[in-house]
Protein backbone atom coordinates (compact mmCIF):
# COMPACT_ATOMS: atom_id res chain seq x y z
CA MET A 1 156.25 125.84 118.45
CA LYS A 2 158.51 128.80 117.70
CA HIS A 3 161.05 128.43 114.92
CA GLY A 4 164.20 130.39 114.18
CA LYS A 5 164.70 132.86 111.35
CA LYS A 6 166.48 130.32 109.11
CA TYR A 7 163.66 127.81 109.43
CA ASN A 8 161.01 130.45 108.72
CA GLU A 9 162.90 131.61 105.60
CA ALA A 10 163.14 128.00 104.39
CA ALA A 11 159.47 127.34 105.17
CA LYS A 12 158.43 130.22 102.86
CA GLN A 13 159.82 128.21 99.93
CA VAL A 14 157.50 125.27 100.65
CA ASP A 15 153.86 125.37 99.52
CA ARG A 16 152.02 123.42 102.24
CA SER A 17 149.03 122.84 99.96
CA VAL A 18 151.06 121.05 97.28
CA LEU A 19 151.91 117.34 97.08
CA TYR A 20 155.32 117.38 95.43
CA GLU A 21 156.62 114.67 93.11
CA PRO A 22 159.50 112.75 94.79
CA ALA A 23 162.24 114.35 92.64
CA ASP A 24 160.83 117.86 93.26
CA ALA A 25 160.54 117.15 96.98
CA VAL A 26 164.20 116.05 97.09
CA ALA A 27 165.33 119.21 95.29
CA LEU A 28 163.32 121.41 97.65
CA VAL A 29 164.48 119.64 100.81
CA LYS A 30 168.12 119.95 99.68
CA LYS A 31 167.58 123.66 98.99
CA THR A 32 166.08 124.28 102.44
CA ALA A 33 168.81 122.34 104.31
CA THR A 34 170.85 125.39 105.31
CA ALA A 35 172.38 124.30 108.63
CA LYS A 36 176.15 124.47 109.13
CA PHE A 37 176.38 120.66 109.32
CA ASP A 38 175.48 117.96 106.77
CA GLU A 39 171.82 117.46 107.60
CA THR A 40 170.15 114.05 107.40
CA ILE A 41 167.25 113.79 104.94
CA GLU A 42 164.38 111.87 106.52
CA LEU A 43 161.05 110.39 105.48
CA HIS A 44 158.03 110.36 107.78
CA ILE A 45 155.34 107.98 106.53
CA ARG A 46 151.95 108.08 108.24
CA THR A 47 150.18 104.76 107.72
CA GLY A 48 146.63 103.51 108.13
CA CYS A 49 147.88 100.57 110.20
CA ASP A 50 147.03 99.93 113.82
CA GLY A 51 150.23 98.67 115.43
CA ARG A 52 148.29 97.37 118.43
CA HIS A 53 147.28 94.44 116.23
CA ALA A 54 150.13 92.02 115.58
CA GLU A 55 149.05 91.40 111.98
CA GLU A 56 149.27 95.14 111.22
CA GLN A 57 152.74 95.59 112.67
CA ILE A 58 155.28 96.65 110.07
CA ARG A 59 158.93 95.91 110.63
CA GLY A 60 161.75 95.11 108.27
CA ALA A 61 164.95 96.35 106.74
CA VAL A 62 166.22 97.55 103.38
CA VAL A 63 169.68 98.31 102.01
CA LEU A 64 169.71 101.83 100.57
CA PRO A 65 171.60 101.74 97.23
CA ASN A 66 173.64 104.82 98.12
CA GLY A 67 173.98 104.19 101.86
CA THR A 68 172.99 106.60 104.63
CA GLY A 69 176.07 108.81 104.62
CA LYS A 70 176.67 107.80 108.22
CA THR A 71 179.38 105.56 109.66
CA VAL A 72 177.53 102.80 111.50
CA ARG A 73 179.08 101.09 114.53
CA VAL A 74 178.11 97.42 114.78
CA LEU A 75 178.13 95.33 117.97
CA VAL A 76 177.92 91.55 117.49
CA PHE A 77 177.00 89.05 120.20
CA ALA A 78 178.59 85.75 119.20
CA LYS A 79 180.69 82.85 120.45
CA GLY A 80 183.09 80.27 119.03
CA ASP A 81 184.02 80.59 115.35
CA LYS A 82 181.44 83.33 114.88
CA VAL A 83 183.57 85.73 116.96
CA ASN A 84 186.41 85.51 114.42
CA GLU A 85 183.95 85.70 111.53
CA ALA A 86 182.38 88.88 112.93
CA GLU A 87 185.78 90.49 113.49
CA ALA A 88 186.92 89.57 109.97
CA ALA A 89 183.71 91.08 108.51
CA GLY A 90 184.44 94.43 110.16
CA ALA A 91 182.31 94.43 113.32
CA ASP A 92 183.32 97.29 115.63
CA TYR A 93 182.72 95.28 118.80
CA VAL A 94 182.29 91.54 119.36
CA GLY A 95 181.56 89.78 122.64
CA GLY A 96 179.24 87.77 124.84
CA ASP A 97 178.30 87.62 128.53
CA GLU A 98 181.11 89.99 129.52
CA LEU A 99 179.36 92.86 127.71
CA ILE A 100 176.16 92.58 129.80
CA PRO A 101 177.41 94.50 132.92
CA LYS A 102 179.18 97.05 130.72
CA ILE A 103 175.89 97.91 129.00
CA GLN A 104 173.59 97.38 132.00
CA ASN A 105 175.63 99.00 134.75
CA GLU A 106 178.04 101.34 133.01
CA GLY A 107 175.57 102.58 130.40
CA TRP A 108 177.92 101.75 127.50
CA LEU A 109 176.05 102.36 124.23
CA ASP A 110 178.79 103.29 121.72
CA PHE A 111 177.12 101.35 118.91
CA ASP A 112 174.32 101.93 116.40
CA VAL A 113 173.21 98.40 115.49
CA VAL A 114 173.29 95.13 117.42
CA VAL A 115 173.60 91.77 115.64
CA ALA A 116 173.32 88.45 117.46
CA THR A 117 173.60 84.78 116.53
CA PRO A 118 170.45 82.83 117.56
CA ASP A 119 172.38 80.95 120.27
CA MET A 120 173.21 84.29 121.94
CA MET A 121 169.64 85.60 122.20
CA GLY A 122 169.31 84.20 125.74
CA VAL A 123 172.19 86.47 126.75
CA VAL A 124 170.97 89.46 124.72
CA GLY A 125 167.44 89.03 126.16
CA ARG A 126 168.76 90.17 129.54
CA LEU A 127 169.40 93.57 127.95
CA GLY A 128 165.82 93.96 126.71
CA LYS A 129 165.02 96.83 129.07
CA VAL A 130 168.06 98.77 127.91
CA LEU A 131 168.17 97.96 124.18
CA GLY A 132 164.40 97.66 123.56
CA PRO A 133 163.38 101.29 124.18
CA LYS A 134 166.31 102.48 122.04
CA GLY A 135 165.29 100.28 119.11
CA LEU A 136 168.56 98.35 119.35
CA MET A 137 167.21 94.88 120.13
CA PRO A 138 168.24 92.33 117.45
CA ASN A 139 165.30 90.99 115.48
CA PRO A 140 165.03 88.17 112.89
CA LYS A 141 162.71 90.30 110.69
CA ALA A 142 165.39 92.97 110.44
CA GLY A 143 168.06 90.37 109.68
CA THR A 144 169.96 91.13 112.90
CA VAL A 145 169.42 87.68 114.46
CA THR A 146 171.34 85.40 112.11
CA MET A 147 174.12 82.84 111.82
CA ASP A 148 175.34 84.67 108.70
CA VAL A 149 177.05 87.47 110.60
CA THR A 150 179.24 88.37 107.59
CA LYS A 151 176.21 89.20 105.43
CA ALA A 152 174.52 91.07 108.29
CA ILE A 153 177.58 93.25 108.92
CA ASN A 154 178.21 93.87 105.20
CA ASP A 155 174.58 94.92 104.64
CA ILE A 156 174.59 97.26 107.64
CA LYS A 157 177.88 98.87 106.64
CA ALA A 158 176.56 99.26 103.06
CA GLY A 159 173.57 101.29 104.23
CA LYS A 160 170.95 98.89 105.57
CA ILE A 161 168.27 100.63 107.61
CA GLU A 162 165.40 99.30 109.69
CA TYR A 163 161.86 100.56 109.36
CA ARG A 164 159.11 100.05 111.92
CA LEU A 165 155.91 101.68 113.13
CA ASP A 166 156.15 104.00 116.11
CA LYS A 167 153.32 104.34 118.66
CA ALA A 168 151.51 106.80 116.36
CA ASN A 169 151.75 104.31 113.44
CA ILE A 170 154.31 106.47 111.64
CA ILE A 171 157.55 105.19 110.09
CA HIS A 172 160.57 107.50 110.40
CA CYS A 173 163.64 106.67 108.27
CA PRO A 174 166.75 108.43 106.95
CA ILE A 175 167.34 108.32 103.17
CA GLY A 176 170.74 110.03 103.11
CA LYS A 177 172.45 113.36 103.69
CA ALA A 178 171.91 116.85 102.27
CA SER A 179 175.33 116.49 100.58
CA PHE A 180 174.01 113.57 98.47
CA THR A 181 173.07 114.28 94.86
CA GLU A 182 169.38 114.53 94.01
CA GLU A 183 169.70 111.30 92.02
CA GLN A 184 171.19 109.42 95.00
CA LEU A 185 168.40 110.61 97.30
CA VAL A 186 165.68 109.70 94.79
CA GLN A 187 167.18 106.20 94.39
CA ASN A 188 167.24 105.74 98.17
CA PHE A 189 163.67 107.10 98.42
CA ASP A 190 162.50 104.58 95.80
CA ALA A 191 164.24 101.67 97.57
CA LEU A 192 162.71 102.52 100.96
CA MET A 193 159.20 103.16 99.61
CA GLY A 194 159.36 99.94 97.55
CA ALA A 195 160.16 97.94 100.68
CA ILE A 196 157.42 99.62 102.71
CA ILE A 197 154.80 99.03 100.01
CA LYS A 198 155.80 95.34 99.88
CA ALA A 199 155.36 95.21 103.67
CA LYS A 200 151.68 96.27 103.50
CA PRO A 201 149.69 93.96 105.80
CA SER A 202 147.27 91.76 103.84
CA THR A 203 144.60 92.27 106.52
CA LEU A 204 144.64 96.08 106.29
CA LYS A 205 141.33 97.66 105.32
CA GLY A 206 141.34 101.19 103.94
CA GLN A 207 144.20 103.49 102.96
CA TYR A 208 147.74 102.24 103.64
CA LEU A 209 149.87 105.36 103.00
CA LYS A 210 148.06 108.32 104.54
CA SER A 211 150.86 110.84 104.04
CA VAL A 212 154.55 110.94 103.16
CA THR A 213 156.63 113.90 104.32
CA MET A 214 160.30 114.56 103.57
CA SER A 215 162.48 116.91 105.61
CA SER A 216 166.05 117.68 106.56
CA THR A 217 167.16 117.63 110.22
CA MET A 218 166.54 121.35 110.72
CA GLY A 219 164.32 122.13 107.73
CA PRO A 220 160.56 122.26 107.09
CA GLY A 221 158.53 119.25 105.99
CA VAL A 222 157.70 118.82 102.30
CA LYS A 223 154.64 116.70 101.45
CA VAL A 224 155.28 114.02 98.83
CA ASN A 225 152.68 112.74 96.38
CA SER A 226 152.33 109.09 97.37
CA ALA A 227 149.50 108.31 94.92
CA LYS A 228 151.91 107.26 92.15
CA ILE A 229 154.31 105.34 94.41
């Protein structure tokens, strides 16, 4: 894959043979984030899990102490009193059956997270083919299927992110923006890694964290020393 001049200049500052301590990795990733926009800082965690086995699936959510630096648009599927509760808590969109054709037929997807009360999952289930592939399907493990819509919305707005294995058994998650301070990014890194370590499947044999790489949207990957995490 060919990279541009800026990327190549940034890549020269990264020693590919070194496993950097988290704080050093953060400093280096911030230094190599030279795009004209505020790049997202991401973690890519290669695990020893096999997601084809249900007991080795990893999925959950964690609230990053310093948020993600992104404004998150929340859609809530609810009915009755829960509609007013969701609106009062700051949901961007609230609705029920009437939203199905808008999403299915008109391709409306102006939201980042979907929350649903359990009694609405029959309705939301009809959107599985649309929301599923985009990772937007509400899930009890991620706290997005709940009667406590106020807490769900507050957590999401405060910087709650979901983590899950992709098909290659890698977890990809944002931990903030390049404009964050090093301390804020390290705190978010610690919160995410703490949650992922707690989520280690009890049945897993062998190494859990195979590699941890940090990068900005346009920058090179920096390998993080996961041995001490």
